[in-house]
Amino acid sequence: MTVCDNGCGIPKEKLEKLNEPFYTTKENGTGLGLPVSLKIIEEHRGTVEVISKEDEGTEFNIALPICS
């Protein structure tokens, strides 16, 4: 699954902190949403790839294995 936008992108120094619990750039944010989501995906043997380009936007590519 891919989720993307065409916004301003995420600066490299902020990209490196995306998985840190309690890191947020929002005034009322908790900084837990993305770290919890990433942990759930990893627990299901999935992967997340983040591609962000300044002034072009950000893309999250989420891959989960097919259940058999």
Protein backbone atom coordinates (compact mmCIF):
# COMPACT_ATOMS: atom_id res chain seq x y z
CA MET A 1 0.00 0.00 0.00
CA THR A 2 1.30 3.47 -0.81
CA VAL A 3 0.24 6.69 0.87
CA CYS A 4 1.62 9.88 -0.63
CA ASP A 5 1.11 13.61 -0.79
CA ASN A 6 2.43 16.47 -2.88
CA GLY A 7 3.29 18.75 0.04
CA CYS A 8 6.60 20.28 1.09
CA GLY A 9 8.30 16.99 2.02
CA ILE A 10 9.95 16.06 5.32
CA PRO A 11 13.44 17.45 6.02
CA LYS A 12 16.17 14.81 6.48
CA GLU A 13 16.73 15.68 10.15
CA LYS A 14 13.04 15.07 10.87
CA LEU A 15 12.92 11.87 8.79
CA GLU A 16 15.56 10.36 11.07
CA LYS A 17 13.28 10.92 14.09
CA LEU A 18 10.01 9.55 12.67
CA ASN A 19 10.28 6.29 14.61
CA GLU A 20 11.10 7.95 17.94
CA PRO A 21 8.24 7.73 20.45
CA PHE A 22 7.00 11.14 21.63
CA TYR A 23 8.70 13.02 18.77
CA THR A 24 6.19 15.40 17.23
CA THR A 25 6.12 18.65 15.31
CA LYS A 26 2.46 19.28 16.18
CA GLU A 27 1.36 21.44 19.09
CA ASN A 28 -1.21 18.92 20.31
CA GLY A 29 0.47 15.75 19.04
CA THR A 30 1.61 12.88 21.22
CA GLY A 31 4.26 11.54 18.87
CA LEU A 32 2.95 8.00 19.27
CA GLY A 33 0.88 7.40 16.13
CA LEU A 34 3.63 6.62 13.66
CA PRO A 35 5.91 4.67 16.05
CA VAL A 36 2.97 2.47 17.13
CA SER A 37 1.91 1.94 13.51
CA LEU A 38 5.45 1.03 12.48
CA LYS A 39 5.73 -1.45 15.37
CA ILE A 40 2.46 -3.15 14.38
CA ILE A 41 3.63 -3.45 10.77
CA GLU A 42 6.99 -4.88 11.89
CA GLU A 43 5.25 -7.38 14.23
CA HIS A 44 3.39 -8.67 11.19
CA ARG A 45 6.70 -9.04 9.29
CA GLY A 46 5.96 -6.04 7.13
CA THR A 47 8.13 -3.17 6.01
CA VAL A 48 7.75 0.58 5.66
CA GLU A 49 9.77 2.68 3.24
CA VAL A 50 9.61 6.48 3.44
CA ILE A 51 10.64 8.56 0.44
CA SER A 52 10.52 12.31 0.85
CA LYS A 53 11.63 14.98 -1.58
CA GLU A 54 11.81 18.63 -0.66
CA ASP A 55 9.07 20.67 -2.34
CA GLU A 56 7.66 17.50 -3.97
CA GLY A 57 6.06 15.52 -1.16
CA THR A 58 6.37 12.33 0.86
CA GLU A 59 5.55 8.72 0.07
CA PHE A 60 5.06 5.89 2.57
CA ASN A 61 5.28 2.40 1.02
CA ILE A 62 3.89 -0.29 3.30
CA ALA A 63 4.34 -3.97 2.46
CA LEU A 64 2.78 -6.84 4.40
CA PRO A 65 3.22 -10.53 3.64
CA ILE A 66 0.30 -12.51 2.25
CA CYS A 67 -1.17 -14.92 4.80
CA SER A 68 -1.20 -18.57 3.81
